[in-house]
PDB file of N, CA and C in Angstrom:
ATOM      1  N   UNK A   1     128.811 147.378  34.028  1.00  0.00           N
ATOM      2  CA  UNK A   1     129.030 146.120  34.535  1.00  0.00           C
ATOM      3  C   UNK A   1     127.760 145.233  34.262  1.00  0.00           C
ATOM      4  N   UNK A   2     128.027 143.975  33.939  1.00  0.00           N
ATOM      5  CA  UNK A   2     126.961 143.052  33.634  1.00  0.00           C
ATOM      6  C   UNK A   2     127.071 141.909  34.619  1.00  0.00           C
ATOM      7  N   UNK A   3     125.843 141.698  35.240  1.00  0.00           N
ATOM      8  CA  UNK A   3     125.757 140.604  36.161  1.00  0.00           C
ATOM      9  C   UNK A   3     124.828 139.598  35.679  1.00  0.00           C
ATOM     10  N   UNK A   4     125.146 138.338  35.695  1.00  0.00           N
ATOM     11  CA  UNK A   4     124.284 137.268  35.239  1.00  0.00           C
ATOM     12  C   UNK A   4     124.071 136.367  36.420  1.00  0.00           C
ATOM     13  N   UNK A   5     122.791 136.318  36.901  1.00  0.00           N
ATOM     14  CA  UNK A   5     122.431 135.570  38.094  1.00  0.00           C
ATOM     15  C   UNK A   5     122.544 134.123  37.822  1.00  0.00           C
ATOM     16  N   UNK A   6     122.567 133.332  38.886  1.00  0.00           N
ATOM     17  CA  UNK A   6     122.544 131.836  38.764  1.00  0.00           C
ATOM     18  C   UNK A   6     121.348 131.320  38.026  1.00  0.00           C
ATOM     19  N   UNK A   7     120.168 131.876  38.286  1.00  0.00           N
ATOM     20  CA  UNK A   7     118.991 131.496  37.575  1.00  0.00           C
ATOM     21  C   UNK A   7     118.977 131.793  36.052  1.00  0.00           C
ATOM     22  N   UNK A   8     119.561 132.967  35.807  1.00  0.00           N
ATOM     23  CA  UNK A   8     119.699 133.370  34.363  1.00  0.00           C
ATOM     24  C   UNK A   8     120.743 132.454  33.656  1.00  0.00           C
ATOM     25  N   UNK A   9     121.851 132.057  34.397  1.00  0.00           N
ATOM     26  CA  UNK A   9     122.850 131.114  33.836  1.00  0.00           C
ATOM     27  C   UNK A   9     122.195 129.761  33.499  1.00  0.00           C
ATOM     28  N   UNK A  10     121.312 129.308  34.318  1.00  0.00           N
ATOM     29  CA  UNK A  10     120.680 128.023  34.057  1.00  0.00           C
ATOM     30  C   UNK A  10     119.741 128.155  32.818  1.00  0.00           C
ATOM     31  N   UNK A  11     119.027 129.274  32.745  1.00  0.00           N
ATOM     32  CA  UNK A  11     118.085 129.495  31.546  1.00  0.00           C
ATOM     33  C   UNK A  11     118.927 129.562  30.283  1.00  0.00           C
ATOM     34  N   UNK A  12     120.032 130.306  30.371  1.00  0.00           N
ATOM     35  CA  UNK A  12     120.913 130.471  29.168  1.00  0.00           C
ATOM     36  C   UNK A  12     121.434 129.116  28.738  1.00  0.00           C
ATOM     37  N   UNK A  13     121.822 128.301  29.714  1.00  0.00           N
ATOM     38  CA  UNK A  13     122.381 126.964  29.408  1.00  0.00           C
ATOM     39  C   UNK A  13     121.286 126.110  28.720  1.00  0.00           C
ATOM     40  N   UNK A  14     120.058 126.169  29.262  1.00  0.00           N
ATOM     41  CA  UNK A  14     118.926 125.430  28.769  1.00  0.00           C
ATOM     42  C   UNK A  14     118.567 125.814  27.300  1.00  0.00           C
ATOM     43  N   UNK A  15     118.519 127.149  27.058  1.00  0.00           N
ATOM     44  CA  UNK A  15     118.261 127.650  25.736  1.00  0.00           C
ATOM     45  C   UNK A  15     119.395 127.247  24.676  1.00  0.00           C
ATOM     46  N   UNK A  16     120.585 127.443  25.110  1.00  0.00           N
ATOM     47  CA  UNK A  16     121.682 127.159  24.135  1.00  0.00           C
ATOM     48  C   UNK A  16     121.751 125.644  23.907  1.00  0.00           C
ATOM     49  N   UNK A  17     121.353 124.832  24.814  1.00  0.00           N
ATOM     50  CA  UNK A  17     121.350 123.340  24.649  1.00  0.00           C
ATOM     51  C   UNK A  17     120.398 122.972  23.549  1.00  0.00           C
ATOM     52  N   UNK A  18     119.290 123.620  23.491  1.00  0.00           N
ATOM     53  CA  UNK A  18     118.201 123.418  22.405  1.00  0.00           C
ATOM     54  C   UNK A  18     118.754 123.885  21.064  1.00  0.00           C
ATOM     55  N   UNK A  19     119.707 124.824  21.057  1.00  0.00           N
ATOM     56  CA  UNK A  19     120.127 125.460  19.775  1.00  0.00           C
ATOM     57  C   UNK A  19     121.264 124.637  19.057  1.00  0.00           C
ATOM     58  N   UNK A  20     121.907 123.812  19.875  1.00  0.00           N
ATOM     59  CA  UNK A  20     122.984 123.038  19.307  1.00  0.00           C
ATOM     60  C   UNK A  20     124.409 123.409  19.912  1.00  0.00           C
ATOM     61  N   UNK A  21     125.350 122.634  19.541  1.00  0.00           N
ATOM     62  CA  UNK A  21     126.726 122.909  19.979  1.00  0.00           C
ATOM     63  C   UNK A  21     127.318 124.184  19.547  1.00  0.00           C
ATOM     64  N   UNK A  22     128.214 124.734  20.324  1.00  0.00           N
ATOM     65  CA  UNK A  22     128.963 125.906  19.960  1.00  0.00           C
ATOM     66  C   UNK A  22     128.156 127.223  19.850  1.00  0.00           C
ATOM     67  N   UNK A  23     126.926 127.167  20.331  1.00  0.00           N
ATOM     68  CA  UNK A  23     126.175 128.471  20.248  1.00  0.00           C
ATOM     69  C   UNK A  23     126.366 129.244  21.486  1.00  0.00           C
ATOM     70  N   UNK A  24     126.177 130.568  21.240  1.00  0.00           N
ATOM     71  CA  UNK A  24     126.365 131.548  22.397  1.00  0.00           C
ATOM     72  C   UNK A  24     125.216 132.517  22.294  1.00  0.00           C
ATOM     73  N   UNK A  25     124.954 133.083  23.493  1.00  0.00           N
ATOM     74  CA  UNK A  25     123.988 134.152  23.637  1.00  0.00           C
ATOM     75  C   UNK A  25     124.625 135.438  23.265  1.00  0.00           C
ATOM     76  N   UNK A  26     124.037 136.273  22.451  1.00  0.00           N
ATOM     77  CA  UNK A  26     124.697 137.575  22.103  1.00  0.00           C
ATOM     78  C   UNK A  26     123.693 138.648  22.629  1.00  0.00           C
ATOM     79  N   UNK A  27     124.357 139.602  23.389  1.00  0.00           N
ATOM     80  CA  UNK A  27     123.572 140.664  23.917  1.00  0.00           C
ATOM     81  C   UNK A  27     124.093 141.925  23.189  1.00  0.00           C
ATOM     82  N   UNK A  28     123.141 142.825  22.789  1.00  0.00           N
ATOM     83  CA  UNK A  28     123.484 144.078  22.046  1.00  0.00           C
ATOM     84  C   UNK A  28     122.603 145.175  22.436  1.00  0.00           C
ATOM     85  N   UNK A  29     123.087 146.394  21.993  1.00  0.00           N
ATOM     86  CA  UNK A  29     122.449 147.658  22.124  1.00  0.00           C
ATOM     87  C   UNK A  29     122.239 148.335  20.796  1.00  0.00           C
ATOM     88  N   UNK A  30     121.097 148.762  20.591  1.00  0.00           N
ATOM     89  CA  UNK A  30     120.681 149.414  19.303  1.00  0.00           C
ATOM     90  C   UNK A  30     120.324 150.833  19.631  1.00  0.00           C
ATOM     91  N   UNK A  31     120.973 151.812  18.769  1.00  0.00           N
ATOM     92  CA  UNK A  31     120.574 153.172  18.989  1.00  0.00           C
ATOM     93  C   UNK A  31     119.172 153.327  18.576  1.00  0.00           C
ATOM     94  N   UNK A  32     118.428 154.218  19.298  1.00  0.00           N
ATOM     95  CA  UNK A  32     117.052 154.413  18.998  1.00  0.00           C
ATOM     96  C   UNK A  32     116.816 155.885  18.657  1.00  0.00           C
ATOM     97  N   UNK A  33     115.578 156.131  18.405  1.00  0.00           N
ATOM     98  CA  UNK A  33     115.133 157.509  18.102  1.00  0.00           C
ATOM     99  C   UNK A  33     114.755 158.191  19.433  1.00  0.00           C
ATOM    100  N   UNK A  34     113.527 158.610  19.469  1.00  0.00           N
ATOM    101  CA  UNK A  34     113.022 159.337  20.648  1.00  0.00           C
ATOM    102  C   UNK A  34     113.048 158.499  21.903  1.00  0.00           C
ATOM    103  N   UNK A  35     112.904 157.176  21.731  1.00  0.00           N
ATOM    104  CA  UNK A  35     112.787 156.307  22.958  1.00  0.00           C
ATOM    105  C   UNK A  35     114.125 155.946  23.543  1.00  0.00           C
ATOM    106  N   UNK A  36     115.237 156.310  22.904  1.00  0.00           N
ATOM    107  CA  UNK A  36     116.571 156.010  23.365  1.00  0.00           C
ATOM    108  C   UNK A  36     117.035 154.628  22.955  1.00  0.00           C
ATOM    109  N   UNK A  37     117.912 154.086  23.642  1.00  0.00           N
ATOM    110  CA  UNK A  37     118.494 152.798  23.251  1.00  0.00           C
ATOM    111  C   UNK A  37     117.528 151.653  23.496  1.00  0.00           C
ATOM    112  N   UNK A  38     117.721 150.558  22.702  1.00  0.00           N
ATOM    113  CA  UNK A  38     116.962 149.363  22.967  1.00  0.00           C
ATOM    114  C   UNK A  38     117.936 148.229  23.068  1.00  0.00           C
ATOM    115  N   UNK A  39     117.665 147.298  23.893  1.00  0.00           N
ATOM    116  CA  UNK A  39     118.549 146.171  24.142  1.00  0.00           C
ATOM    117  C   UNK A  39     117.940 144.904  23.606  1.00  0.00           C
ATOM    118  N   UNK A  40     118.849 143.971  23.069  1.00  0.00           N
ATOM    119  CA  UNK A  40     118.313 142.827  22.458  1.00  0.00           C
ATOM    120  C   UNK A  40     119.218 141.605  22.710  1.00  0.00           C
ATOM    121  N   UNK A  41     118.659 140.431  22.381  1.00  0.00           N
ATOM    122  CA  UNK A  41     119.410 139.169  22.564  1.00  0.00           C
ATOM    123  C   UNK A  41     119.231 138.335  21.338  1.00  0.00           C
ATOM    124  N   UNK A  42     120.182 137.597  21.006  1.00  0.00           N
ATOM    125  CA  UNK A  42     120.051 136.659  19.802  1.00  0.00           C
ATOM    126  C   UNK A  42     121.011 135.487  20.073  1.00  0.00           C
ATOM    127  N   UNK A  43     120.871 134.422  19.335  1.00  0.00           N
ATOM    128  CA  UNK A  43     121.770 133.265  19.482  1.00  0.00           C
ATOM    129  C   UNK A  43     122.690 133.299  18.202  1.00  0.00           C
ATOM    130  N   UNK A  44     123.988 133.131  18.522  1.00  0.00           N
ATOM    131  CA  UNK A  44     124.950 133.128  17.479  1.00  0.00           C
ATOM    132  C   UNK A  44     126.005 132.069  17.722  1.00  0.00           C
ATOM    133  N   UNK A  45     126.680 131.633  16.669  1.00  0.00           N
ATOM    134  CA  UNK A  45     127.674 130.673  16.793  1.00  0.00           C
ATOM    135  C   UNK A  45     129.036 131.170  16.439  1.00  0.00           C
ATOM    136  N   UNK A  46     129.227 132.498  16.170  1.00  0.00           N
ATOM    137  CA  UNK A  46     130.507 133.021  15.839  1.00  0.00           C
ATOM    138  C   UNK A  46     130.792 134.232  16.729  1.00  0.00           C
ATOM    139  N   UNK A  47     132.008 134.319  17.154  1.00  0.00           N
ATOM    140  CA  UNK A  47     132.465 135.466  17.900  1.00  0.00           C
ATOM    141  C   UNK A  47     133.152 136.516  16.962  1.00  0.00           C
ATOM    142  N   UNK A  48     132.719 137.712  16.983  1.00  0.00           N
ATOM    143  CA  UNK A  48     133.402 138.790  16.068  1.00  0.00           C
ATOM    144  C   UNK A  48     134.569 139.306  16.841  1.00  0.00           C
ATOM    145  N   UNK A  49     135.498 139.924  16.111  1.00  0.00           N
ATOM    146  CA  UNK A  49     136.716 140.443  16.689  1.00  0.00           C
ATOM    147  C   UNK A  49     136.473 141.502  17.746  1.00  0.00           C
ATOM    148  N   UNK A  50     135.479 142.268  17.682  1.00  0.00           N
ATOM    149  CA  UNK A  50     135.119 143.353  18.636  1.00  0.00           C
ATOM    150  C   UNK A  50     134.190 142.946  19.725  1.00  0.00           C
ATOM    151  N   UNK A  51     133.855 141.662  19.830  1.00  0.00           N
ATOM    152  CA  UNK A  51     133.000 141.174  20.956  1.00  0.00           C
ATOM    153  C   UNK A  51     133.672 140.991  22.243  1.00  0.00           C
ATOM    154  N   UNK A  52     132.985 141.173  23.318  1.00  0.00           N
ATOM    155  CA  UNK A  52     133.471 140.846  24.598  1.00  0.00           C
ATOM    156  C   UNK A  52     132.831 139.478  24.912  1.00  0.00           C
ATOM    157  N   UNK A  53     133.564 138.596  25.474  1.00  0.00           N
ATOM    158  CA  UNK A  53     132.994 137.273  25.827  1.00  0.00           C
ATOM    159  C   UNK A  53     132.987 137.146  27.399  1.00  0.00           C
ATOM    160  N   UNK A  54     131.812 136.852  27.834  1.00  0.00           N
ATOM    161  CA  UNK A  54     131.583 136.669  29.289  1.00  0.00           C
ATOM    162  C   UNK A  54     131.150 135.236  29.508  1.00  0.00           C
ATOM    163  N   UNK A  55     131.659 134.551  30.490  1.00  0.00           N
ATOM    164  CA  UNK A  55     131.307 133.179  30.814  1.00  0.00           C
ATOM    165  C   UNK A  55     130.302 133.210  31.912  1.00  0.00           C
ATOM    166  N   UNK A  56     129.154 132.603  31.636  1.00  0.00           N
ATOM    167  CA  UNK A  56     128.009 132.558  32.591  1.00  0.00           C
ATOM    168  C   UNK A  56     127.896 131.081  32.947  1.00  0.00           C
ATOM    169  N   UNK A  57     128.580 130.623  34.004  1.00  0.00           N
ATOM    170  CA  UNK A  57     128.573 129.229  34.339  1.00  0.00           C
ATOM    171  C   UNK A  57     129.336 128.499  33.281  1.00  0.00           C
ATOM    172  N   UNK A  58     128.676 127.605  32.564  1.00  0.00           N
ATOM    173  CA  UNK A  58     129.333 126.807  31.496  1.00  0.00           C
ATOM    174  C   UNK A  58     129.005 127.367  30.131  1.00  0.00           C
ATOM    175  N   UNK A  59     128.194 128.424  30.035  1.00  0.00           N
ATOM    176  CA  UNK A  59     127.793 129.028  28.779  1.00  0.00           C
ATOM    177  C   UNK A  59     128.511 130.307  28.516  1.00  0.00           C
ATOM    178  N   UNK A  60     128.627 130.630  27.234  1.00  0.00           N
ATOM    179  CA  UNK A  60     129.312 131.824  26.761  1.00  0.00           C
ATOM    180  C   UNK A  60     128.344 132.890  26.285  1.00  0.00           C
ATOM    181  N   UNK A  61     128.573 134.071  26.765  1.00  0.00           N
ATOM    182  CA  UNK A  61     127.712 135.225  26.392  1.00  0.00           C
ATOM    183  C   UNK A  61     128.560 136.201  25.644  1.00  0.00           C
ATOM    184  N   UNK A  62     128.121 136.702  24.509  1.00  0.00           N
ATOM    185  CA  UNK A  62     128.890 137.668  23.680  1.00  0.00           C
ATOM    186  C   UNK A  62     128.207 139.051  23.909  1.00  0.00           C
ATOM    187  N   UNK A  63     129.067 140.143  24.117  1.00  0.00           N
ATOM    188  CA  UNK A  63     128.513 141.401  24.258  1.00  0.00           C
ATOM    189  C   UNK A  63     129.000 142.154  23.041  1.00  0.00           C
ATOM    190  N   UNK A  64     128.072 142.644  22.231  1.00  0.00           N
ATOM    191  CA  UNK A  64     128.441 143.340  20.931  1.00  0.00           C
ATOM    192  C   UNK A  64     128.712 144.751  21.247  1.00  0.00           C
TER     193      UNK A  64
END
């Protein structure tokens, strides 16, 4: 389960506004070696077929 707090929603909205229209926050997990998984974030403007889309307030978050 992913929970996006109100303060995180505001920050996401602020960051995406700087990036331009139709941008989304992408959250992803990368397989790791000895340290296990690592988690990352990027800005994207396209939704892939296998993405989950979560709405955080007025912003869109993609989960890869």
